[in-house]
Amino acid sequence: MNLKYPGGPKIDELAKSGRAGIKLPKTHLDGLNFSFSGIKTAVLNLVNNKKEIIKEDLALSFEQAVTDMLLENTKKAIDEYEFKKVALAGRCI
């Protein structure tokens, strides 16, 4: 998407005015493992191969796919380990 490092805050800003709808793959690995390599490759391929990709839509679709993957694994961990509380932390530069 030709965004400079770090891309996260820029993706988040673009996503605010985007419309989701671009299908992106979600990696399903055994246990609680996951990888973002497939989704990053899919975004790269879309950017390189589609002439009329709307960056805002791609940013929102990317955010939603990554969030879905994180939530799915968090729910699996809660069920598997019977956690009573979960804390999520992150930061945006």
N, C-alpha and C. Protein backbone atom coordinates (compact mmCIF):
# COMPACT_ATOMS: atom_id res chain seq x y z
N MET A 1 0.82 -1.19 0.00
CA MET A 1 0.00 0.00 0.00
C MET A 1 0.87 1.26 0.00
N ASN A 2 2.16 1.04 -0.11
CA ASN A 2 3.12 2.14 -0.13
C ASN A 2 3.04 3.02 1.11
N LEU A 3 2.90 2.40 2.26
CA LEU A 3 2.88 3.11 3.53
C LEU A 3 4.24 2.98 4.19
N LYS A 4 4.69 4.06 4.77
CA LYS A 4 5.98 4.02 5.45
C LYS A 4 5.84 3.38 6.82
N TYR A 5 6.95 2.88 7.35
CA TYR A 5 6.99 2.25 8.65
C TYR A 5 6.81 3.29 9.74
N PRO A 6 6.09 3.01 10.78
CA PRO A 6 5.25 1.84 10.99
C PRO A 6 3.91 1.99 10.28
N GLY A 7 3.45 0.92 9.68
CA GLY A 7 2.23 0.99 8.87
C GLY A 7 0.94 0.93 9.66
N GLY A 8 0.99 0.37 10.87
CA GLY A 8 -0.23 0.18 11.66
C GLY A 8 -1.07 1.44 11.84
N PRO A 9 -0.48 2.52 12.34
CA PRO A 9 -1.27 3.75 12.52
C PRO A 9 -1.83 4.29 11.21
N LYS A 10 -1.09 4.14 10.13
CA LYS A 10 -1.55 4.62 8.84
C LYS A 10 -2.71 3.76 8.32
N ILE A 11 -2.61 2.44 8.53
CA ILE A 11 -3.69 1.54 8.13
C ILE A 11 -4.94 1.88 8.93
N ASP A 12 -4.77 2.10 10.23
CA ASP A 12 -5.92 2.44 11.08
C ASP A 12 -6.59 3.72 10.62
N GLU A 13 -5.81 4.71 10.25
CA GLU A 13 -6.38 5.99 9.78
C GLU A 13 -7.14 5.79 8.47
N LEU A 14 -6.57 5.05 7.53
CA LEU A 14 -7.25 4.77 6.26
C LEU A 14 -8.54 4.00 6.49
N ALA A 15 -8.51 3.04 7.41
CA ALA A 15 -9.66 2.16 7.66
C ALA A 15 -10.87 2.93 8.17
N LYS A 16 -10.64 4.06 8.81
CA LYS A 16 -11.75 4.85 9.36
C LYS A 16 -12.73 5.31 8.28
N SER A 17 -12.25 5.47 7.06
CA SER A 17 -13.15 5.91 6.00
C SER A 17 -13.37 4.81 4.94
N GLY A 18 -13.00 3.58 5.29
CA GLY A 18 -13.15 2.48 4.35
C GLY A 18 -14.45 1.72 4.53
N ARG A 19 -14.72 0.88 3.55
CA ARG A 19 -15.86 -0.04 3.61
C ARG A 19 -15.30 -1.44 3.45
N ALA A 20 -15.64 -2.30 4.39
CA ALA A 20 -15.14 -3.68 4.33
C ALA A 20 -15.82 -4.42 3.19
N GLY A 21 -15.20 -5.45 2.75
CA GLY A 21 -15.81 -6.24 1.69
C GLY A 21 -14.78 -6.99 0.87
N ILE A 22 -13.51 -6.70 1.09
CA ILE A 22 -12.47 -7.41 0.36
C ILE A 22 -12.15 -8.67 1.14
N LYS A 23 -12.32 -9.82 0.49
CA LYS A 23 -12.07 -11.10 1.15
C LYS A 23 -10.57 -11.33 1.28
N LEU A 24 -10.14 -11.59 2.50
CA LEU A 24 -8.74 -11.89 2.76
C LEU A 24 -8.66 -13.22 3.50
N PRO A 25 -7.60 -13.99 3.25
CA PRO A 25 -7.50 -15.31 3.88
C PRO A 25 -7.17 -15.20 5.36
N LYS A 26 -7.65 -16.18 6.12
CA LYS A 26 -7.30 -16.30 7.52
C LYS A 26 -6.57 -17.62 7.69
N THR A 27 -5.45 -17.58 8.36
CA THR A 27 -4.67 -18.79 8.59
C THR A 27 -5.23 -19.54 9.78
N HIS A 28 -5.45 -20.83 9.61
CA HIS A 28 -5.93 -21.68 10.70
C HIS A 28 -4.88 -22.76 10.93
N LEU A 29 -4.14 -22.61 12.00
CA LEU A 29 -3.12 -23.58 12.36
C LEU A 29 -3.58 -24.36 13.58
N ASP A 30 -2.91 -25.46 13.86
CA ASP A 30 -3.25 -26.27 15.02
C ASP A 30 -3.03 -25.49 16.31
N GLY A 31 -3.82 -25.82 17.29
CA GLY A 31 -3.65 -25.21 18.60
C GLY A 31 -3.96 -23.72 18.57
N LEU A 32 -3.14 -22.98 19.27
CA LEU A 32 -3.35 -21.53 19.36
C LEU A 32 -2.38 -20.76 18.47
N ASN A 33 -1.71 -21.45 17.58
CA ASN A 33 -0.77 -20.80 16.68
C ASN A 33 -1.49 -20.08 15.55
N PHE A 34 -0.92 -18.99 15.10
CA PHE A 34 -1.45 -18.31 13.93
C PHE A 34 -0.33 -17.56 13.25
N SER A 35 -0.57 -17.17 12.02
CA SER A 35 0.42 -16.48 11.23
C SER A 35 -0.28 -15.41 10.40
N PHE A 36 0.39 -14.28 10.26
CA PHE A 36 -0.15 -13.21 9.42
C PHE A 36 0.49 -13.21 8.04
N SER A 37 1.37 -14.15 7.75
CA SER A 37 2.08 -14.12 6.48
C SER A 37 1.13 -14.27 5.29
N GLY A 38 0.12 -15.12 5.39
CA GLY A 38 -0.81 -15.31 4.28
C GLY A 38 -1.63 -14.07 3.98
N ILE A 39 -2.08 -13.41 5.02
CA ILE A 39 -2.89 -12.21 4.81
C ILE A 39 -2.03 -11.06 4.28
N LYS A 40 -0.79 -10.98 4.75
CA LYS A 40 0.11 -9.93 4.24
C LYS A 40 0.44 -10.17 2.78
N THR A 41 0.64 -11.42 2.40
CA THR A 41 0.91 -11.75 1.00
C THR A 41 -0.31 -11.43 0.14
N ALA A 42 -1.50 -11.74 0.64
CA ALA A 42 -2.73 -11.45 -0.11
C ALA A 42 -2.88 -9.95 -0.34
N VAL A 43 -2.59 -9.15 0.68
CA VAL A 43 -2.67 -7.68 0.53
C VAL A 43 -1.65 -7.22 -0.51
N LEU A 44 -0.43 -7.73 -0.41
CA LEU A 44 0.61 -7.36 -1.37
C LEU A 44 0.19 -7.71 -2.79
N ASN A 45 -0.36 -8.90 -2.98
CA ASN A 45 -0.82 -9.32 -4.32
C ASN A 45 -1.95 -8.43 -4.82
N LEU A 46 -2.88 -8.07 -3.95
CA LEU A 46 -3.97 -7.19 -4.36
C LEU A 46 -3.44 -5.83 -4.79
N VAL A 47 -2.52 -5.29 -4.01
CA VAL A 47 -1.96 -3.97 -4.33
C VAL A 47 -1.19 -4.01 -5.64
N ASN A 48 -0.44 -5.09 -5.86
CA ASN A 48 0.38 -5.19 -7.07
C ASN A 48 -0.41 -5.56 -8.31
N ASN A 49 -1.55 -6.24 -8.16
CA ASN A 49 -2.26 -6.76 -9.33
C ASN A 49 -3.57 -6.06 -9.66
N LYS A 50 -4.11 -5.32 -8.75
CA LYS A 50 -5.39 -4.64 -9.00
C LYS A 50 -5.11 -3.16 -9.27
N LYS A 51 -5.62 -2.68 -10.36
CA LYS A 51 -5.38 -1.28 -10.70
C LYS A 51 -6.27 -0.33 -9.90
N GLU A 52 -7.46 -0.76 -9.58
CA GLU A 52 -8.40 0.13 -8.91
C GLU A 52 -8.77 -0.36 -7.52
N ILE A 53 -7.78 -0.57 -6.70
CA ILE A 53 -8.03 -0.99 -5.33
C ILE A 53 -8.19 0.27 -4.48
N ILE A 54 -9.21 0.29 -3.67
CA ILE A 54 -9.44 1.44 -2.79
C ILE A 54 -8.71 1.16 -1.48
N LYS A 55 -7.67 1.94 -1.21
CA LYS A 55 -6.82 1.69 -0.05
C LYS A 55 -7.60 1.68 1.25
N GLU A 56 -8.56 2.56 1.37
CA GLU A 56 -9.36 2.62 2.60
C GLU A 56 -10.13 1.32 2.83
N ASP A 57 -10.70 0.78 1.75
CA ASP A 57 -11.44 -0.47 1.84
C ASP A 57 -10.52 -1.64 2.18
N LEU A 58 -9.35 -1.65 1.57
CA LEU A 58 -8.38 -2.70 1.84
C LEU A 58 -7.89 -2.61 3.29
N ALA A 59 -7.66 -1.40 3.77
CA ALA A 59 -7.20 -1.22 5.16
C ALA A 59 -8.24 -1.73 6.14
N LEU A 60 -9.51 -1.40 5.94
CA LEU A 60 -10.55 -1.86 6.85
C LEU A 60 -10.73 -3.37 6.77
N SER A 61 -10.69 -3.91 5.57
CA SER A 61 -10.82 -5.37 5.40
C SER A 61 -9.65 -6.08 6.08
N PHE A 62 -8.45 -5.53 5.96
CA PHE A 62 -7.27 -6.09 6.62
C PHE A 62 -7.44 -6.06 8.14
N GLU A 63 -7.84 -4.91 8.67
CA GLU A 63 -8.04 -4.79 10.12
C GLU A 63 -9.07 -5.80 10.62
N GLN A 64 -10.14 -5.94 9.90
CA GLN A 64 -11.20 -6.86 10.33
C GLN A 64 -10.73 -8.31 10.29
N ALA A 65 -9.99 -8.70 9.25
CA ALA A 65 -9.50 -10.08 9.15
C ALA A 65 -8.51 -10.38 10.27
N VAL A 66 -7.60 -9.45 10.55
CA VAL A 66 -6.62 -9.66 11.63
C VAL A 66 -7.33 -9.72 12.98
N THR A 67 -8.29 -8.82 13.20
CA THR A 67 -9.03 -8.82 14.47
C THR A 67 -9.79 -10.13 14.64
N ASP A 68 -10.41 -10.61 13.58
CA ASP A 68 -11.13 -11.89 13.65
C ASP A 68 -10.20 -13.03 14.05
N MET A 69 -9.00 -13.06 13.46
CA MET A 69 -8.04 -14.11 13.79
C MET A 69 -7.64 -14.02 15.26
N LEU A 70 -7.37 -12.83 15.74
CA LEU A 70 -6.97 -12.65 17.14
C LEU A 70 -8.10 -13.05 18.09
N LEU A 71 -9.32 -12.65 17.76
CA LEU A 71 -10.45 -12.99 18.61
C LEU A 71 -10.72 -14.50 18.63
N GLU A 72 -10.63 -15.14 17.48
CA GLU A 72 -10.84 -16.58 17.41
C GLU A 72 -9.86 -17.31 18.32
N ASN A 73 -8.58 -16.93 18.26
CA ASN A 73 -7.58 -17.61 19.08
C ASN A 73 -7.74 -17.25 20.55
N THR A 74 -8.16 -16.05 20.85
CA THR A 74 -8.40 -15.66 22.24
C THR A 74 -9.55 -16.50 22.81
N LYS A 75 -10.61 -16.66 22.03
CA LYS A 75 -11.74 -17.48 22.48
C LYS A 75 -11.32 -18.94 22.67
N LYS A 76 -10.49 -19.47 21.76
CA LYS A 76 -9.99 -20.83 21.91
C LYS A 76 -9.19 -20.98 23.21
N ALA A 77 -8.34 -20.00 23.48
CA ALA A 77 -7.51 -20.05 24.70
C ALA A 77 -8.37 -20.00 25.95
N ILE A 78 -9.40 -19.15 25.93
CA ILE A 78 -10.32 -19.07 27.08
C ILE A 78 -10.99 -20.41 27.32
N ASP A 79 -11.48 -21.03 26.27
CA ASP A 79 -12.14 -22.33 26.40
C ASP A 79 -11.17 -23.43 26.84
N GLU A 80 -10.00 -23.45 26.22
CA GLU A 80 -9.04 -24.52 26.49
C GLU A 80 -8.47 -24.43 27.91
N TYR A 81 -8.18 -23.23 28.36
CA TYR A 81 -7.52 -23.07 29.66
C TYR A 81 -8.46 -22.56 30.75
N GLU A 82 -9.74 -22.40 30.40
CA GLU A 82 -10.76 -21.96 31.34
C GLU A 82 -10.38 -20.67 32.07
N PHE A 83 -9.86 -19.73 31.30
CA PHE A 83 -9.52 -18.43 31.88
C PHE A 83 -10.78 -17.74 32.38
N LYS A 84 -10.67 -17.04 33.47
CA LYS A 84 -11.77 -16.24 34.00
C LYS A 84 -11.66 -14.79 33.55
N LYS A 85 -10.44 -14.35 33.29
CA LYS A 85 -10.20 -12.97 32.86
C LYS A 85 -9.19 -12.97 31.72
N VAL A 86 -9.34 -12.00 30.84
CA VAL A 86 -8.41 -11.83 29.73
C VAL A 86 -8.08 -10.35 29.62
N ALA A 87 -6.83 -10.05 29.42
CA ALA A 87 -6.40 -8.67 29.20
C ALA A 87 -5.77 -8.58 27.83
N LEU A 88 -6.17 -7.59 27.08
CA LEU A 88 -5.59 -7.33 25.76
C LEU A 88 -4.84 -6.01 25.82
N ALA A 89 -3.68 -5.97 25.25
CA ALA A 89 -2.89 -4.75 25.28
C ALA A 89 -2.30 -4.51 23.90
N GLY A 90 -2.07 -3.28 23.60
CA GLY A 90 -1.47 -2.93 22.33
C GLY A 90 -1.11 -1.47 22.36
N ARG A 91 -0.54 -1.03 21.29
CA ARG A 91 -0.17 0.37 21.25
C ARG A 91 -0.18 0.84 19.82
N CYS A 92 -0.48 2.06 19.66
CA CYS A 92 -0.48 2.69 18.34
C CYS A 92 0.46 3.89 18.43
N ILE A 93 1.42 3.92 17.55
CA ILE A 93 2.40 5.01 17.59
C ILE A 93 1.85 6.23 16.90
